PDB file of N, CA and C in Angstrom:
ATOM      1  N   MET A   1      -7.425  -6.789   4.590  1.00  0.00           N
ATOM      2  CA  MET A   1      -6.562  -5.651   4.369  1.00  0.00           C
ATOM      3  C   MET A   1      -5.625  -5.451   5.558  1.00  0.00           C
ATOM      4  N   TRP A   2      -6.151  -5.419   6.752  1.00  0.00           N
ATOM      5  CA  TRP A   2      -5.327  -5.145   7.928  1.00  0.00           C
ATOM      6  C   TRP A   2      -4.267  -6.227   8.135  1.00  0.00           C
ATOM      7  N   ASP A   3      -4.645  -7.471   7.905  1.00  0.00           N
ATOM      8  CA  ASP A   3      -3.765  -8.605   8.196  1.00  0.00           C
ATOM      9  C   ASP A   3      -2.819  -8.987   7.064  1.00  0.00           C
ATOM     10  N   LYS A   4      -3.012  -8.458   5.879  1.00  0.00           N
ATOM     11  CA  LYS A   4      -2.240  -8.902   4.721  1.00  0.00           C
ATOM     12  C   LYS A   4      -0.731  -8.799   4.928  1.00  0.00           C
ATOM     13  N   PRO A   5      -0.194  -7.717   5.495  1.00  0.00           N
ATOM     14  CA  PRO A   5       1.256  -7.681   5.698  1.00  0.00           C
ATOM     15  C   PRO A   5       1.759  -8.826   6.586  1.00  0.00           C
ATOM     16  N   ARG A   6       0.997  -9.181   7.617  1.00  0.00           N
ATOM     17  CA  ARG A   6       1.396 -10.308   8.467  1.00  0.00           C
ATOM     18  C   ARG A   6       1.313 -11.615   7.682  1.00  0.00           C
ATOM     19  N   GLU A   7       0.266 -11.736   6.875  1.00  0.00           N
ATOM     20  CA  GLU A   7       0.073 -12.958   6.080  1.00  0.00           C
ATOM     21  C   GLU A   7       1.212 -13.169   5.091  1.00  0.00           C
ATOM     22  N   ILE A   8       1.571 -12.152   4.342  1.00  0.00           N
ATOM     23  CA  ILE A   8       2.573 -12.334   3.285  1.00  0.00           C
ATOM     24  C   ILE A   8       4.004 -12.342   3.806  1.00  0.00           C
ATOM     25  N   THR A   9       4.200 -11.935   5.073  1.00  0.00           N
ATOM     26  CA  THR A   9       5.548 -11.990   5.649  1.00  0.00           C
ATOM     27  C   THR A   9       5.694 -13.109   6.665  1.00  0.00           C
ATOM     28  N   GLY A  10       4.705 -13.965   6.767  1.00  0.00           N
ATOM     29  CA  GLY A  10       4.770 -15.049   7.740  1.00  0.00           C
ATOM     30  C   GLY A  10       4.822 -14.539   9.173  1.00  0.00           C
ATOM     31  N   GLY A  11       4.210 -13.396   9.426  1.00  0.00           N
ATOM     32  CA  GLY A  11       4.162 -12.829  10.766  1.00  0.00           C
ATOM     33  C   GLY A  11       5.346 -11.958  11.133  1.00  0.00           C
ATOM     34  N   VAL A  12       6.299 -11.789  10.226  1.00  0.00           N
ATOM     35  CA  VAL A  12       7.466 -10.944  10.526  1.00  0.00           C
ATOM     36  C   VAL A  12       7.034  -9.495  10.716  1.00  0.00           C
ATOM     37  N   TYR A  13       6.213  -8.998   9.796  1.00  0.00           N
ATOM     38  CA  TYR A  13       5.683  -7.635   9.958  1.00  0.00           C
ATOM     39  C   TYR A  13       4.456  -7.737  10.844  1.00  0.00           C
ATOM     40  N   ARG A  14       4.467  -7.055  11.966  1.00  0.00           N
ATOM     41  CA  ARG A  14       3.404  -7.208  12.957  1.00  0.00           C
ATOM     42  C   ARG A  14       2.355  -6.102  12.906  1.00  0.00           C
ATOM     43  N   GLY A  15       2.611  -5.033  12.169  1.00  0.00           N
ATOM     44  CA  GLY A  15       1.669  -3.918  12.118  1.00  0.00           C
ATOM     45  C   GLY A  15       0.518  -4.174  11.155  1.00  0.00           C
ATOM     46  N   ASN A  16      -0.450  -3.276  11.197  1.00  0.00           N
ATOM     47  CA  ASN A  16      -1.570  -3.340  10.266  1.00  0.00           C
ATOM     48  C   ASN A  16      -1.159  -2.813   8.909  1.00  0.00           C
ATOM     49  N   GLY A  17      -1.918  -3.205   7.893  1.00  0.00           N
ATOM     50  CA  GLY A  17      -1.711  -2.695   6.558  1.00  0.00           C
ATOM     51  C   GLY A  17      -2.861  -1.788   6.163  1.00  0.00           C
ATOM     52  N   TYR A  18      -2.561  -0.694   5.531  1.00  0.00           N
ATOM     53  CA  TYR A  18      -3.558   0.221   4.994  1.00  0.00           C
ATOM     54  C   TYR A  18      -3.450   0.093   3.487  1.00  0.00           C
ATOM     55  N   GLU A  19      -4.469  -0.474   2.880  1.00  0.00           N
ATOM     56  CA  GLU A  19      -4.384  -0.931   1.498  1.00  0.00           C
ATOM     57  C   GLU A  19      -5.127  -0.013   0.539  1.00  0.00           C
ATOM     58  N   ILE A  20      -4.514   0.200  -0.614  1.00  0.00           N
ATOM     59  CA  ILE A  20      -5.226   0.770  -1.748  1.00  0.00           C
ATOM     60  C   ILE A  20      -5.061  -0.213  -2.901  1.00  0.00           C
ATOM     61  N   ALA A  21      -6.086  -0.306  -3.726  1.00  0.00           N
ATOM     62  CA  ALA A  21      -6.072  -1.279  -4.819  1.00  0.00           C
ATOM     63  C   ALA A  21      -6.557  -0.628  -6.107  1.00  0.00           C
ATOM     64  N   HIS A  22      -6.118  -1.198  -7.203  1.00  0.00           N
ATOM     65  CA  HIS A  22      -6.522  -0.758  -8.534  1.00  0.00           C
ATOM     66  C   HIS A  22      -6.781  -2.006  -9.359  1.00  0.00           C
ATOM     67  N   HIS A  23      -7.846  -1.997 -10.138  1.00  0.00           N
ATOM     68  CA  HIS A  23      -8.119  -3.168 -10.980  1.00  0.00           C
ATOM     69  C   HIS A  23      -8.539  -2.716 -12.369  1.00  0.00           C
ATOM     70  N   GLY A  24      -8.351  -3.599 -13.300  1.00  0.00           N
ATOM     71  CA  GLY A  24      -8.697  -3.335 -14.687  1.00  0.00           C
ATOM     72  C   GLY A  24      -8.000  -4.333 -15.589  1.00  0.00           C
ATOM     73  N   SER A  25      -8.041  -4.077 -16.859  1.00  0.00           N
ATOM     74  CA  SER A  25      -7.392  -4.951 -17.830  1.00  0.00           C
ATOM     75  C   SER A  25      -6.010  -4.399 -18.157  1.00  0.00           C
ATOM     76  N   GLY A  26      -5.002  -5.250 -18.127  1.00  0.00           N
ATOM     77  CA  GLY A  26      -3.647  -4.818 -18.473  1.00  0.00           C
ATOM     78  C   GLY A  26      -3.048  -3.855 -17.472  1.00  0.00           C
ATOM     79  N   VAL A  27      -3.222  -4.113 -16.183  1.00  0.00           N
ATOM     80  CA  VAL A  27      -2.702  -3.225 -15.137  1.00  0.00           C
ATOM     81  C   VAL A  27      -1.176  -3.258 -15.131  1.00  0.00           C
ATOM     82  N   THR A  28      -0.588  -2.084 -15.035  1.00  0.00           N
ATOM     83  CA  THR A  28       0.857  -1.921 -14.866  1.00  0.00           C
ATOM     84  C   THR A  28       1.072  -1.011 -13.653  1.00  0.00           C
ATOM     85  N   PRO A  29       2.276  -0.945 -13.127  1.00  0.00           N
ATOM     86  CA  PRO A  29       2.519   0.009 -12.034  1.00  0.00           C
ATOM     87  C   PRO A  29       2.146   1.441 -12.432  1.00  0.00           C
ATOM     88  N   GLU A  30       2.405   1.795 -13.673  1.00  0.00           N
ATOM     89  CA  GLU A  30       2.113   3.155 -14.140  1.00  0.00           C
ATOM     90  C   GLU A  30       0.613   3.423 -14.190  1.00  0.00           C
ATOM     91  N   THR A  31      -0.163   2.475 -14.723  1.00  0.00           N
ATOM     92  CA  THR A  31      -1.613   2.699 -14.801  1.00  0.00           C
ATOM     93  C   THR A  31      -2.237   2.700 -13.410  1.00  0.00           C
ATOM     94  N   ALA A  32      -1.713   1.864 -12.522  1.00  0.00           N
ATOM     95  CA  ALA A  32      -2.229   1.847 -11.145  1.00  0.00           C
ATOM     96  C   ALA A  32      -1.953   3.184 -10.462  1.00  0.00           C
ATOM     97  N   LEU A  33      -0.732   3.677 -10.576  1.00  0.00           N
ATOM     98  CA  LEU A  33      -0.396   4.949  -9.940  1.00  0.00           C
ATOM     99  C   LEU A  33      -1.251   6.077 -10.497  1.00  0.00           C
ATOM    100  N   ARG A  34      -1.433   6.131 -11.799  1.00  0.00           N
ATOM    101  CA  ARG A  34      -2.290   7.167 -12.390  1.00  0.00           C
ATOM    102  C   ARG A  34      -3.718   7.061 -11.853  1.00  0.00           C
ATOM    103  N   GLY A  35      -4.214   5.837 -11.715  1.00  0.00           N
ATOM    104  CA  GLY A  35      -5.553   5.643 -11.163  1.00  0.00           C
ATOM    105  C   GLY A  35      -5.657   6.136  -9.735  1.00  0.00           C
ATOM    106  N   TRP A  36      -4.669   5.792  -8.911  1.00  0.00           N
ATOM    107  CA  TRP A  36      -4.673   6.241  -7.520  1.00  0.00           C
ATOM    108  C   TRP A  36      -4.543   7.753  -7.424  1.00  0.00           C
ATOM    109  N   GLN A  37      -3.707   8.330  -8.269  1.00  0.00           N
ATOM    110  CA  GLN A  37      -3.528   9.779  -8.232  1.00  0.00           C
ATOM    111  C   GLN A  37      -4.791  10.520  -8.662  1.00  0.00           C
ATOM    112  N   SER A  38      -5.602   9.901  -9.502  1.00  0.00           N
ATOM    113  CA  SER A  38      -6.831  10.558  -9.965  1.00  0.00           C
ATOM    114  C   SER A  38      -7.987  10.387  -8.981  1.00  0.00           C
ATOM    115  N   SER A  39      -7.781   9.610  -7.933  1.00  0.00           N
ATOM    116  CA  SER A  39      -8.785   9.399  -6.889  1.00  0.00           C
ATOM    117  C   SER A  39      -8.359  10.172  -5.647  1.00  0.00           C
ATOM    118  N   SER A  40      -9.162  11.138  -5.228  1.00  0.00           N
ATOM    119  CA  SER A  40      -8.756  11.960  -4.079  1.00  0.00           C
ATOM    120  C   SER A  40      -8.540  11.120  -2.822  1.00  0.00           C
ATOM    121  N   GLY A  41      -9.364  10.107  -2.596  1.00  0.00           N
ATOM    122  CA  GLY A  41      -9.211   9.261  -1.418  1.00  0.00           C
ATOM    123  C   GLY A  41      -7.933   8.458  -1.436  1.00  0.00           C
ATOM    124  N   HIS A  42      -7.633   7.839  -2.583  1.00  0.00           N
ATOM    125  CA  HIS A  42      -6.404   7.044  -2.696  1.00  0.00           C
ATOM    126  C   HIS A  42      -5.167   7.940  -2.670  1.00  0.00           C
ATOM    127  N   ASN A  43      -5.232   9.051  -3.380  1.00  0.00           N
ATOM    128  CA  ASN A  43      -4.087   9.955  -3.428  1.00  0.00           C
ATOM    129  C   ASN A  43      -3.776  10.517  -2.041  1.00  0.00           C
ATOM    130  N   SER A  44      -4.813  10.754  -1.235  1.00  0.00           N
ATOM    131  CA  SER A  44      -4.600  11.264   0.123  1.00  0.00           C
ATOM    132  C   SER A  44      -3.761  10.308   0.966  1.00  0.00           C
ATOM    133  N   VAL A  45      -3.974   9.008   0.779  1.00  0.00           N
ATOM    134  CA  VAL A  45      -3.172   8.021   1.508  1.00  0.00           C
ATOM    135  C   VAL A  45      -1.711   8.110   1.058  1.00  0.00           C
ATOM    136  N   ILE A  46      -1.500   8.205  -0.249  1.00  0.00           N
ATOM    137  CA  ILE A  46      -0.146   8.226  -0.804  1.00  0.00           C
ATOM    138  C   ILE A  46       0.633   9.465  -0.357  1.00  0.00           C
ATOM    139  N   VAL A  47      -0.011  10.626  -0.400  1.00  0.00           N
ATOM    140  CA  VAL A  47       0.704  11.888  -0.130  1.00  0.00           C
ATOM    141  C   VAL A  47       0.454  12.430   1.278  1.00  0.00           C
ATOM    142  N   ASN A  48      -0.212  11.648   2.117  1.00  0.00           N
ATOM    143  CA  ASN A  48      -0.484  12.048   3.499  1.00  0.00           C
ATOM    144  C   ASN A  48      -1.241  13.377   3.568  1.00  0.00           C
ATOM    145  N   ASN A  49      -2.413  13.376   2.983  1.00  0.00           N
ATOM    146  CA  ASN A  49      -3.287  14.542   2.961  1.00  0.00           C
ATOM    147  C   ASN A  49      -4.526  14.265   3.794  1.00  0.00           C
ATOM    148  N   GLY A  50      -5.245  15.308   4.164  1.00  0.00           N
ATOM    149  CA  GLY A  50      -6.512  15.137   4.865  1.00  0.00           C
ATOM    150  C   GLY A  50      -6.343  14.360   6.154  1.00  0.00           C
ATOM    151  N   LYS A  51      -7.185  13.332   6.352  1.00  0.00           N
ATOM    152  CA  LYS A  51      -7.108  12.560   7.603  1.00  0.00           C
ATOM    153  C   LYS A  51      -5.812  11.771   7.728  1.00  0.00           C
ATOM    154  N   TRP A  52      -5.042  11.678   6.658  1.00  0.00           N
ATOM    155  CA  TRP A  52      -3.759  10.959   6.684  1.00  0.00           C
ATOM    156  C   TRP A  52      -2.573  11.906   6.897  1.00  0.00           C
ATOM    157  N   ALA A  53      -2.831  13.187   7.115  1.00  0.00           N
ATOM    158  CA  ALA A  53      -1.760  14.191   7.199  1.00  0.00           C
ATOM    159  C   ALA A  53      -0.773  13.930   8.336  1.00  0.00           C
ATOM    160  N   ASP A  54      -1.234  13.379   9.433  1.00  0.00           N
ATOM    161  CA  ASP A  54      -0.354  13.151  10.579  1.00  0.00           C
ATOM    162  C   ASP A  54       0.228  11.745  10.624  1.00  0.00           C
ATOM    163  N   VAL A  55      -0.008  10.966   9.578  1.00  0.00           N
ATOM    164  CA  VAL A  55       0.496   9.592   9.524  1.00  0.00           C
ATOM    165  C   VAL A  55       1.834   9.588   8.794  1.00  0.00           C
ATOM    166  N   HIS A  56       2.783   8.879   9.351  1.00  0.00           N
ATOM    167  CA  HIS A  56       4.104   8.756   8.735  1.00  0.00           C
ATOM    168  C   HIS A  56       4.327   7.286   8.396  1.00  0.00           C
ATOM    169  N   TRP A  57       4.216   6.965   7.119  1.00  0.00           N
ATOM    170  CA  TRP A  57       4.393   5.580   6.695  1.00  0.00           C
ATOM    171  C   TRP A  57       5.848   5.178   6.860  1.00  0.00           C
ATOM    172  N   LYS A  58       6.064   4.032   7.482  1.00  0.00           N
ATOM    173  CA  LYS A  58       7.420   3.531   7.710  1.00  0.00           C
ATOM    174  C   LYS A  58       7.679   2.225   6.962  1.00  0.00           C
ATOM    175  N   ALA A  59       6.645   1.715   6.293  1.00  0.00           N
ATOM    176  CA  ALA A  59       6.806   0.475   5.518  1.00  0.00           C
ATOM    177  C   ALA A  59       5.829   0.513   4.355  1.00  0.00           C
ATOM    178  N   ILE A  60       6.194  -0.177   3.287  1.00  0.00           N
ATOM    179  CA  ILE A  60       5.339  -0.254   2.113  1.00  0.00           C
ATOM    180  C   ILE A  60       5.571  -1.598   1.425  1.00  0.00           C
ATOM    181  N   GLY A  61       4.517  -2.143   0.899  1.00  0.00           N
ATOM    182  CA  GLY A  61       4.600  -3.376   0.121  1.00  0.00           C
ATOM    183  C   GLY A  61       3.662  -3.254  -1.061  1.00  0.00           C
ATOM    184  N   ALA A  62       4.010  -3.866  -2.163  1.00  0.00           N
ATOM    185  CA  ALA A  62       3.187  -3.744  -3.366  1.00  0.00           C
ATOM    186  C   ALA A  62       3.185  -5.048  -4.145  1.00  0.00           C
ATOM    187  N   ALA A  63       2.113  -5.242  -4.898  1.00  0.00           N
ATOM    188  CA  ALA A  63       2.010  -6.390  -5.798  1.00  0.00           C
ATOM    189  C   ALA A  63       1.220  -5.957  -7.031  1.00  0.00           C
ATOM    190  N   VAL A  64       1.640  -6.450  -8.182  1.00  0.00           N
ATOM    191  CA  VAL A  64       0.967  -6.128  -9.438  1.00  0.00           C
ATOM    192  C   VAL A  64       0.760  -7.408 -10.218  1.00  0.00           C
ATOM    193  N   SER A  65      -0.440  -7.593 -10.739  1.00  0.00           N
ATOM    194  CA  SER A  65      -0.719  -8.698 -11.652  1.00  0.00           C
ATOM    195  C   SER A  65      -1.387  -8.102 -12.881  1.00  0.00           C
ATOM    196  N   GLU A  66      -1.822  -8.944 -13.775  1.00  0.00           N
ATOM    197  CA  GLU A  66      -2.433  -8.455 -15.017  1.00  0.00           C
ATOM    198  C   GLU A  66      -3.699  -7.637 -14.769  1.00  0.00           C
ATOM    199  N   HIS A  67      -4.439  -7.967 -13.709  1.00  0.00           N
ATOM    200  CA  HIS A  67      -5.724  -7.319 -13.473  1.00  0.00           C
ATOM    201  C   HIS A  67      -5.807  -6.510 -12.183  1.00  0.00           C
ATOM    202  N   TYR A  68      -4.794  -6.593 -11.333  1.00  0.00           N
ATOM    203  CA  TYR A  68      -4.835  -5.903 -10.048  1.00  0.00           C
ATOM    204  C   TYR A  68      -3.474  -5.347  -9.670  1.00  0.00           C
ATOM    205  N   ALA A  69      -3.525  -4.251  -8.924  1.00  0.00           N
ATOM    206  CA  ALA A  69      -2.339  -3.729  -8.256  1.00  0.00           C
ATOM    207  C   ALA A  69      -2.782  -3.335  -6.852  1.00  0.00           C
ATOM    208  N   VAL A  70      -1.974  -3.673  -5.874  1.00  0.00           N
ATOM    209  CA  VAL A  70      -2.263  -3.307  -4.491  1.00  0.00           C
ATOM    210  C   VAL A  70      -1.010  -2.759  -3.836  1.00  0.00           C
ATOM    211  N   VAL A  71      -1.216  -1.841  -2.927  1.00  0.00           N
ATOM    212  CA  VAL A  71      -0.127  -1.300  -2.120  1.00  0.00           C
ATOM    213  C   VAL A  71      -0.603  -1.302  -0.680  1.00  0.00           C
ATOM    214  N   TRP A  72       0.259  -1.775   0.214  1.00  0.00           N
ATOM    215  CA  TRP A  72      -0.015  -1.734   1.641  1.00  0.00           C
ATOM    216  C   TRP A  72       0.970  -0.765   2.275  1.00  0.00           C
ATOM    217  N   PHE A  73       0.443   0.144   3.069  1.00  0.00           N
ATOM    218  CA  PHE A  73       1.262   1.080   3.825  1.00  0.00           C
ATOM    219  C   PHE A  73       1.218   0.672   5.287  1.00  0.00           C
ATOM    220  N   GLY A  74       2.336   0.828   5.995  1.00  0.00           N
ATOM    221  CA  GLY A  74       2.384   0.468   7.406  1.00  0.00           C
ATOM    222  C   GLY A  74       2.980   1.569   8.255  1.00  0.00           C
ATOM    223  N   LYS A  75       2.440   1.726   9.444  1.00  0.00           N
ATOM    224  CA  LYS A  75       2.944   2.728  10.383  1.00  0.00           C
ATOM    225  C   LYS A  75       4.199   2.256  11.105  1.00  0.00           C
ATOM    226  N   GLU A  76       4.369   0.948  11.247  1.00  0.00           N
ATOM    227  CA  GLU A  76       5.523   0.385  11.932  1.00  0.00           C
ATOM    228  C   GLU A  76       6.641   0.093  10.924  1.00  0.00           C
ATOM    229  N   ALA A  77       7.860   0.270  11.354  1.00  0.00           N
ATOM    230  CA  ALA A  77       8.997  -0.038  10.484  1.00  0.00           C
ATOM    231  C   ALA A  77       9.028  -1.527  10.176  1.00  0.00           C
ATOM    232  N   ASP A  78       9.518  -1.872   9.008  1.00  0.00           N
ATOM    233  CA  ASP A  78       9.636  -3.264   8.596  1.00  0.00           C
ATOM    234  C   ASP A  78      10.859  -3.884   9.274  1.00  0.00           C
ATOM    235  N   PRO A  79      10.657  -4.864  10.166  1.00  0.00           N
ATOM    236  CA  PRO A  79      11.810  -5.459  10.858  1.00  0.00           C
ATOM    237  C   PRO A  79      12.732  -6.257   9.944  1.00  0.00           C
ATOM    238  N   ALA A  80      12.274  -6.606   8.742  1.00  0.00           N
ATOM    239  CA  ALA A  80      13.106  -7.373   7.820  1.00  0.00           C
ATOM    240  C   ALA A  80      14.142  -6.512   7.114  1.00  0.00           C
ATOM    241  N   ILE A  81      13.985  -5.201   7.153  1.00  0.00           N
ATOM    242  CA  ILE A  81      14.942  -4.315   6.505  1.00  0.00           C
ATOM    243  C   ILE A  81      16.255  -4.360   7.286  1.00  0.00           C
ATOM    244  N   GLY A  82      17.339  -4.523   6.575  1.00  0.00           N
ATOM    245  CA  GLY A  82      18.650  -4.547   7.197  1.00  0.00           C
ATOM    246  C   GLY A  82      19.127  -5.938   7.588  1.00  0.00           C
ATOM    247  N   ARG A  83      18.297  -6.962   7.329  1.00  0.00           N
ATOM    248  CA  ARG A  83      18.715  -8.332   7.648  1.00  0.00           C
ATOM    249  C   ARG A  83      19.529  -8.892   6.530  1.00  0.00           C
TER     250      ARG A  83
END
C-alpha cells in the first residue's frame, strides 16, 4: 500500500500512498464510491474526518477493474502534474 504510488509511477511520485479498496462482482466507480461512503473508516479518509481531519491530500490515483477498485491518496503533490 505505502509503496504503490512509487511502483506505478516508476519512482516519480516519492510519497507514501494511503489506500482504500473495494472488491466484489461487477465493480464500477459508482459502486466502489457507495461502498466507501457506507464504511465510516473509508469515508473518513475521503472526507478528512476523525484522525484524518488534519491531513490535506495533494495527490490521488485510482484504478478500477471488474472485481476491484482502489484509490491511493498522497500527502505530497504529484510532480508529474504540469509536465
